[in-house]
Amino acid sequence: MPNTPAIAKSRRRLLDVVGDVLDMSKLQSGSLSLNKASVAIGDVVAVAVEQIKPEFNAKKQLLDIRLDHSLREVEADHKRVRQILVNLLSKASKFNSPGGCVLLMARLAADGGVTIAIAIADTGIGMAHEDIMLAL
């Protein structure tokens, strides 16, 4: 069987899904460890967007990325931040209509620049207030 770029990409995505399931098991058992390092948020966003882009393209959805020019590197686990972004963007696409729009914004938080705030908004059906509160 030929190893086309599409097959290779699908294989990586499947491995990521299996890894996510294993990570959830580790998280629930309290054995998930973080690999903190200096991370450029713009780079993590670019990797997550590259991974999720086919879902947006299939539904002809617009993905609007707005990164604050003053963002700098932070101590974080690159894999986990990417994983969170991919999951949030995937849900935003899934529960959005074809042709809808998703906005991802990243900026320095109002704590003196120590924290980076990332927000995702979309034109989808939204979440009930009580579900949002459960997620917090």
N, C-alpha and C. Protein backbone atom coordinates (compact mmCIF):
# COMPACT_ATOMS: atom_id res chain seq x y z
N MET A 1 0.86 -1.18 0.00
CA MET A 1 0.00 0.00 0.00
C MET A 1 0.90 1.24 0.00
N PRO A 2 0.62 2.22 -0.87
CA PRO A 2 1.45 3.42 -0.92
C PRO A 2 1.28 4.25 0.35
N ASN A 3 2.36 4.91 0.73
CA ASN A 3 2.34 5.76 1.92
C ASN A 3 2.24 7.22 1.48
N THR A 4 1.02 7.64 1.16
CA THR A 4 0.81 9.01 0.69
C THR A 4 0.81 9.97 1.87
N PRO A 5 1.00 11.26 1.61
CA PRO A 5 0.93 12.24 2.70
C PRO A 5 -0.41 12.20 3.44
N ALA A 6 -1.50 11.94 2.72
CA ALA A 6 -2.81 11.89 3.37
C ALA A 6 -2.90 10.70 4.32
N ILE A 7 -2.34 9.55 3.91
CA ILE A 7 -2.35 8.37 4.77
C ILE A 7 -1.47 8.62 5.99
N ALA A 8 -0.31 9.20 5.77
CA ALA A 8 0.60 9.49 6.88
C ALA A 8 -0.05 10.45 7.87
N LYS A 9 -0.74 11.45 7.37
CA LYS A 9 -1.41 12.42 8.23
C LYS A 9 -2.53 11.75 9.01
N SER A 10 -3.29 10.88 8.36
CA SER A 10 -4.37 10.15 9.03
C SER A 10 -3.82 9.23 10.11
N ARG A 11 -2.71 8.60 9.82
CA ARG A 11 -2.07 7.71 10.79
C ARG A 11 -1.63 8.50 12.03
N ARG A 12 -1.02 9.68 11.81
CA ARG A 12 -0.60 10.53 12.93
C ARG A 12 -1.80 10.96 13.76
N ARG A 13 -2.88 11.32 13.08
CA ARG A 13 -4.10 11.77 13.78
C ARG A 13 -4.67 10.63 14.61
N LEU A 14 -4.69 9.42 14.07
CA LEU A 14 -5.19 8.26 14.82
C LEU A 14 -4.31 7.99 16.03
N LEU A 15 -3.00 8.07 15.87
CA LEU A 15 -2.09 7.89 17.00
C LEU A 15 -2.32 8.95 18.06
N ASP A 16 -2.60 10.18 17.63
CA ASP A 16 -2.90 11.26 18.58
C ASP A 16 -4.17 10.96 19.37
N VAL A 17 -5.19 10.42 18.70
CA VAL A 17 -6.44 10.09 19.37
C VAL A 17 -6.21 8.99 20.41
N VAL A 18 -5.46 7.96 20.02
CA VAL A 18 -5.14 6.89 20.97
C VAL A 18 -4.35 7.46 22.15
N GLY A 19 -3.40 8.33 21.86
CA GLY A 19 -2.63 8.98 22.92
C GLY A 19 -3.51 9.80 23.85
N ASP A 20 -4.49 10.50 23.28
CA ASP A 20 -5.42 11.29 24.09
C ASP A 20 -6.20 10.40 25.04
N VAL A 21 -6.66 9.25 24.54
CA VAL A 21 -7.41 8.31 25.39
C VAL A 21 -6.53 7.81 26.53
N LEU A 22 -5.30 7.46 26.22
CA LEU A 22 -4.37 7.00 27.25
C LEU A 22 -4.08 8.12 28.26
N ASP A 23 -3.95 9.34 27.78
CA ASP A 23 -3.71 10.48 28.67
C ASP A 23 -4.89 10.71 29.61
N MET A 24 -6.11 10.54 29.09
CA MET A 24 -7.30 10.69 29.95
C MET A 24 -7.28 9.66 31.07
N SER A 25 -6.87 8.45 30.76
CA SER A 25 -6.76 7.40 31.77
C SER A 25 -5.73 7.79 32.83
N LYS A 26 -4.58 8.30 32.38
CA LYS A 26 -3.54 8.74 33.31
C LYS A 26 -4.02 9.90 34.16
N LEU A 27 -4.75 10.83 33.53
CA LEU A 27 -5.26 11.99 34.26
C LEU A 27 -6.22 11.56 35.36
N GLN A 28 -7.11 10.64 35.02
CA GLN A 28 -8.09 10.16 35.99
C GLN A 28 -7.44 9.39 37.13
N SER A 29 -6.32 8.72 36.85
CA SER A 29 -5.64 7.96 37.90
C SER A 29 -4.63 8.81 38.66
N GLY A 30 -4.42 10.05 38.21
CA GLY A 30 -3.48 10.94 38.89
C GLY A 30 -2.03 10.68 38.54
N SER A 31 -1.78 9.96 37.45
CA SER A 31 -0.40 9.64 37.09
C SER A 31 0.10 10.37 35.84
N LEU A 32 -0.64 11.38 35.38
CA LEU A 32 -0.22 12.14 34.21
C LEU A 32 0.87 13.13 34.63
N SER A 33 1.98 13.10 33.94
CA SER A 33 3.06 14.03 34.25
C SER A 33 3.21 15.05 33.11
N LEU A 34 3.64 16.24 33.48
CA LEU A 34 3.84 17.30 32.51
C LEU A 34 5.32 17.43 32.19
N ASN A 35 5.61 17.74 30.95
CA ASN A 35 6.98 17.99 30.50
C ASN A 35 7.11 19.47 30.20
N LYS A 36 7.35 20.26 31.23
CA LYS A 36 7.44 21.70 31.05
C LYS A 36 8.74 22.08 30.37
N ALA A 37 8.61 23.05 29.48
CA ALA A 37 9.75 23.61 28.78
C ALA A 37 9.35 24.99 28.29
N SER A 38 10.29 25.73 27.77
CA SER A 38 9.99 27.04 27.20
C SER A 38 9.24 26.83 25.88
N VAL A 39 8.03 27.39 25.81
CA VAL A 39 7.13 27.15 24.67
C VAL A 39 6.71 28.48 24.06
N ALA A 40 6.84 28.60 22.75
CA ALA A 40 6.32 29.76 22.02
C ALA A 40 4.88 29.45 21.64
N ILE A 41 3.94 30.20 22.19
CA ILE A 41 2.52 29.92 21.98
C ILE A 41 2.17 29.97 20.49
N GLY A 42 2.75 30.89 19.75
CA GLY A 42 2.48 30.97 18.31
C GLY A 42 2.83 29.67 17.59
N ASP A 43 3.91 29.02 18.02
CA ASP A 43 4.32 27.75 17.41
C ASP A 43 3.32 26.64 17.75
N VAL A 44 2.86 26.61 19.00
CA VAL A 44 1.89 25.59 19.41
C VAL A 44 0.59 25.78 18.66
N VAL A 45 0.15 27.03 18.53
CA VAL A 45 -1.08 27.32 17.79
C VAL A 45 -0.93 26.87 16.34
N ALA A 46 0.21 27.14 15.73
CA ALA A 46 0.43 26.75 14.33
C ALA A 46 0.34 25.24 14.16
N VAL A 47 0.92 24.48 15.08
CA VAL A 47 0.88 23.01 15.01
C VAL A 47 -0.56 22.52 15.18
N ALA A 48 -1.28 23.09 16.15
CA ALA A 48 -2.68 22.68 16.39
C ALA A 48 -3.54 23.00 15.18
N VAL A 49 -3.37 24.18 14.61
CA VAL A 49 -4.17 24.59 13.44
C VAL A 49 -3.87 23.67 12.26
N GLU A 50 -2.62 23.33 12.04
CA GLU A 50 -2.26 22.43 10.95
C GLU A 50 -2.94 21.07 11.12
N GLN A 51 -3.02 20.62 12.35
CA GLN A 51 -3.64 19.32 12.64
C GLN A 51 -5.15 19.35 12.43
N ILE A 52 -5.79 20.45 12.77
CA ILE A 52 -7.26 20.53 12.77
C ILE A 52 -7.81 21.09 11.46
N LYS A 53 -6.98 21.69 10.65
CA LYS A 53 -7.42 22.38 9.44
C LYS A 53 -8.31 21.53 8.52
N PRO A 54 -8.03 20.23 8.32
CA PRO A 54 -8.90 19.44 7.44
C PRO A 54 -10.36 19.43 7.88
N GLU A 55 -10.61 19.44 9.19
CA GLU A 55 -12.00 19.47 9.67
C GLU A 55 -12.68 20.78 9.26
N PHE A 56 -11.96 21.88 9.36
CA PHE A 56 -12.52 23.18 8.96
C PHE A 56 -12.73 23.24 7.46
N ASN A 57 -11.77 22.74 6.71
CA ASN A 57 -11.88 22.76 5.26
C ASN A 57 -13.07 21.92 4.79
N ALA A 58 -13.28 20.76 5.42
CA ALA A 58 -14.38 19.87 5.02
C ALA A 58 -15.74 20.55 5.19
N LYS A 59 -15.86 21.41 6.20
CA LYS A 59 -17.14 22.10 6.45
C LYS A 59 -17.13 23.54 5.93
N LYS A 60 -16.06 23.88 5.20
CA LYS A 60 -15.92 25.23 4.63
C LYS A 60 -16.09 26.31 5.71
N GLN A 61 -15.45 26.06 6.85
CA GLN A 61 -15.51 27.00 7.97
C GLN A 61 -14.27 27.87 7.97
N LEU A 62 -14.44 29.09 8.46
CA LEU A 62 -13.33 30.03 8.58
C LEU A 62 -12.72 29.89 9.96
N LEU A 63 -11.40 29.77 10.02
CA LEU A 63 -10.67 29.75 11.28
C LEU A 63 -9.84 31.02 11.34
N ASP A 64 -10.23 31.94 12.19
CA ASP A 64 -9.59 33.24 12.33
C ASP A 64 -8.65 33.19 13.54
N ILE A 65 -7.35 33.36 13.31
CA ILE A 65 -6.35 33.30 14.38
C ILE A 65 -5.83 34.70 14.63
N ARG A 66 -5.91 35.14 15.88
CA ARG A 66 -5.42 36.47 16.26
C ARG A 66 -4.48 36.33 17.45
N LEU A 67 -3.20 36.44 17.17
CA LEU A 67 -2.19 36.35 18.22
C LEU A 67 -1.62 37.73 18.52
N ASP A 68 -1.60 38.09 19.78
CA ASP A 68 -1.04 39.37 20.21
C ASP A 68 0.44 39.40 19.84
N HIS A 69 0.89 40.48 19.26
CA HIS A 69 2.28 40.60 18.82
C HIS A 69 3.27 40.57 19.99
N SER A 70 2.79 40.82 21.20
CA SER A 70 3.69 40.86 22.35
C SER A 70 3.83 39.51 23.05
N LEU A 71 3.23 38.46 22.50
CA LEU A 71 3.35 37.14 23.12
C LEU A 71 4.81 36.70 23.14
N ARG A 72 5.16 36.05 24.22
CA ARG A 72 6.52 35.52 24.33
C ARG A 72 6.44 34.08 24.83
N GLU A 73 7.57 33.48 25.02
CA GLU A 73 7.60 32.10 25.47
C GLU A 73 7.18 32.00 26.93
N VAL A 74 6.55 30.87 27.25
CA VAL A 74 6.14 30.59 28.62
C VAL A 74 6.57 29.16 28.97
N GLU A 75 6.57 28.86 30.24
CA GLU A 75 6.85 27.50 30.69
C GLU A 75 5.55 26.70 30.59
N ALA A 76 5.55 25.68 29.76
CA ALA A 76 4.34 24.88 29.56
C ALA A 76 4.74 23.54 28.95
N ASP A 77 3.77 22.65 28.87
CA ASP A 77 3.96 21.36 28.21
C ASP A 77 3.39 21.51 26.79
N HIS A 78 4.28 21.58 25.81
CA HIS A 78 3.90 21.82 24.41
C HIS A 78 2.81 20.83 23.98
N LYS A 79 3.02 19.55 24.27
CA LYS A 79 2.07 18.52 23.83
C LYS A 79 0.70 18.75 24.44
N ARG A 80 0.65 19.07 25.73
CA ARG A 80 -0.64 19.25 26.41
C ARG A 80 -1.36 20.51 25.92
N VAL A 81 -0.63 21.58 25.71
CA VAL A 81 -1.26 22.81 25.21
C VAL A 81 -1.81 22.56 23.81
N ARG A 82 -1.03 21.89 22.97
CA ARG A 82 -1.50 21.55 21.62
C ARG A 82 -2.74 20.67 21.70
N GLN A 83 -2.71 19.69 22.58
CA GLN A 83 -3.82 18.78 22.75
C GLN A 83 -5.09 19.53 23.16
N ILE A 84 -4.97 20.46 24.07
CA ILE A 84 -6.12 21.27 24.52
C ILE A 84 -6.66 22.09 23.35
N LEU A 85 -5.76 22.76 22.62
CA LEU A 85 -6.19 23.58 21.49
C LEU A 85 -6.89 22.75 20.42
N VAL A 86 -6.33 21.60 20.08
CA VAL A 86 -6.94 20.74 19.06
C VAL A 86 -8.33 20.30 19.52
N ASN A 87 -8.45 19.89 20.79
CA ASN A 87 -9.75 19.45 21.29
C ASN A 87 -10.78 20.58 21.26
N LEU A 88 -10.39 21.77 21.71
CA LEU A 88 -11.33 22.90 21.71
C LEU A 88 -11.71 23.30 20.29
N LEU A 89 -10.73 23.35 19.40
CA LEU A 89 -11.02 23.72 18.01
C LEU A 89 -11.87 22.67 17.32
N SER A 90 -11.62 21.41 17.62
CA SER A 90 -12.42 20.33 17.04
C SER A 90 -13.88 20.44 17.47
N LYS A 91 -14.11 20.71 18.75
CA LYS A 91 -15.48 20.88 19.25
C LYS A 91 -16.13 22.11 18.62
N ALA A 92 -15.37 23.19 18.47
CA ALA A 92 -15.91 24.40 17.85
C ALA A 92 -16.34 24.13 16.42
N SER A 93 -15.56 23.33 15.69
CA SER A 93 -15.91 22.99 14.32
C SER A 93 -17.10 22.04 14.29
N LYS A 94 -17.06 21.02 15.14
CA LYS A 94 -18.10 20.00 15.15
C LYS A 94 -19.49 20.58 15.41
N PHE A 95 -19.57 21.50 16.36
CA PHE A 95 -20.87 22.05 16.75
C PHE A 95 -21.17 23.39 16.07
N ASN A 96 -20.48 23.64 14.99
CA ASN A 96 -20.69 24.84 14.20
C ASN A 96 -21.30 24.42 12.86
N SER A 97 -22.00 25.31 12.24
CA SER A 97 -22.63 24.98 10.96
C SER A 97 -21.62 25.10 9.82
N PRO A 98 -21.88 24.42 8.72
CA PRO A 98 -21.03 24.59 7.55
C PRO A 98 -20.97 26.08 7.18
N GLY A 99 -19.79 26.55 6.89
CA GLY A 99 -19.62 27.96 6.56
C GLY A 99 -19.49 28.85 7.77
N GLY A 100 -19.53 28.28 8.97
CA GLY A 100 -19.42 29.06 10.21
C GLY A 100 -18.01 29.58 10.42
N CYS A 101 -17.83 30.31 11.51
CA CYS A 101 -16.55 30.95 11.81
C CYS A 101 -16.13 30.61 13.24
N VAL A 102 -14.83 30.37 13.40
CA VAL A 102 -14.24 30.14 14.72
C VAL A 102 -13.08 31.11 14.88
N LEU A 103 -13.04 31.74 16.04
CA LEU A 103 -11.99 32.72 16.34
C LEU A 103 -11.14 32.19 17.49
N LEU A 104 -9.82 32.15 17.30
CA LEU A 104 -8.89 31.81 18.36
C LEU A 104 -8.06 33.04 18.63
N MET A 105 -8.08 33.51 19.88
CA MET A 105 -7.29 34.68 20.27
C MET A 105 -6.34 34.29 21.37
N ALA A 106 -5.12 34.80 21.32
CA ALA A 106 -4.14 34.60 22.39
C ALA A 106 -3.49 35.94 22.68
N ARG A 107 -3.41 36.26 23.98
CA ARG A 107 -2.82 37.53 24.41
C ARG A 107 -2.23 37.36 25.79
N LEU A 108 -1.42 38.32 26.19
CA LEU A 108 -0.92 38.33 27.55
C LEU A 108 -2.07 38.65 28.48
N ALA A 109 -2.16 37.95 29.58
CA ALA A 109 -3.22 38.20 30.56
C ALA A 109 -2.91 39.48 31.32
N ALA A 110 -3.88 39.93 32.08
CA ALA A 110 -3.75 41.20 32.81
C ALA A 110 -2.99 41.05 34.12
N ASP A 111 -2.15 40.03 34.25
CA ASP A 111 -1.42 39.80 35.50
C ASP A 111 0.04 40.26 35.39
N GLY A 112 0.31 41.17 34.51
CA GLY A 112 1.67 41.67 34.34
C GLY A 112 2.46 40.90 33.30
N GLY A 113 1.78 40.10 32.52
CA GLY A 113 2.46 39.41 31.43
C GLY A 113 3.05 38.06 31.78
N VAL A 114 2.64 37.48 32.90
CA VAL A 114 3.16 36.17 33.29
C VAL A 114 2.33 35.05 32.66
N THR A 115 1.06 35.31 32.47
CA THR A 115 0.13 34.31 31.96
C THR A 115 -0.34 34.70 30.56
N ILE A 116 -0.57 33.69 29.73
CA ILE A 116 -1.14 33.92 28.41
C ILE A 116 -2.58 33.46 28.44
N ALA A 117 -3.48 34.32 27.97
CA ALA A 117 -4.91 33.99 27.91
C ALA A 117 -5.24 33.57 26.48
N ILE A 118 -5.89 32.41 26.37
CA ILE A 118 -6.31 31.91 25.07
C ILE A 118 -7.82 31.75 25.11
N ALA A 119 -8.50 32.31 24.10
CA ALA A 119 -9.96 32.21 24.03
C ALA A 119 -10.36 31.71 22.65
N ILE A 120 -11.40 30.88 22.64
CA ILE A 120 -11.94 30.38 21.38
C ILE A 120 -13.43 30.70 21.38
N ALA A 121 -13.88 31.36 20.32
CA ALA A 121 -15.30 31.71 20.18
C ALA A 121 -15.75 31.22 18.80
N ASP A 122 -17.03 30.89 18.69
CA ASP A 122 -17.51 30.41 17.40
C ASP A 122 -18.96 30.83 17.19
N THR A 123 -19.45 30.57 16.01
CA THR A 123 -20.83 30.91 15.64
C THR A 123 -21.74 29.70 15.75
N GLY A 124 -21.32 28.71 16.56
CA GLY A 124 -22.09 27.47 16.72
C GLY A 124 -23.22 27.62 17.72
N ILE A 125 -23.71 26.46 18.18
CA ILE A 125 -24.90 26.43 19.03
C ILE A 125 -24.64 26.87 20.46
N GLY A 126 -23.39 26.89 20.89
CA GLY A 126 -23.06 27.34 22.23
C GLY A 126 -23.27 26.27 23.28
N MET A 127 -22.99 26.65 24.52
CA MET A 127 -23.13 25.75 25.66
C MET A 127 -24.07 26.37 26.68
N ALA A 128 -24.83 25.54 27.34
CA ALA A 128 -25.69 26.02 28.43
C ALA A 128 -24.81 26.50 29.58
N HIS A 129 -25.27 27.53 30.29
CA HIS A 129 -24.51 28.12 31.38
C HIS A 129 -24.10 27.06 32.41
N GLU A 130 -25.01 26.15 32.75
CA GLU A 130 -24.68 25.13 33.75
C GLU A 130 -23.59 24.17 33.26
N ASP A 131 -23.51 23.93 31.95
CA ASP A 131 -22.45 23.09 31.41
C ASP A 131 -21.10 23.80 31.47
N ILE A 132 -21.11 25.09 31.23
CA ILE A 132 -19.88 25.87 31.33
C ILE A 132 -19.38 25.83 32.77
N MET A 133 -20.27 25.99 33.72
CA MET A 133 -19.89 25.99 35.12
C MET A 133 -19.35 24.62 35.54
N LEU A 134 -19.87 23.53 34.97
CA LEU A 134 -19.36 22.20 35.28
C LEU A 134 -17.93 22.03 34.75
N ALA A 135 -17.64 22.67 33.64
CA ALA A 135 -16.31 22.55 33.03
C ALA A 135 -15.26 23.30 33.84
N LEU A 136 -15.68 24.28 34.61
CA LEU A 136 -14.73 25.04 35.41
C LEU A 136 -14.40 24.26 36.61
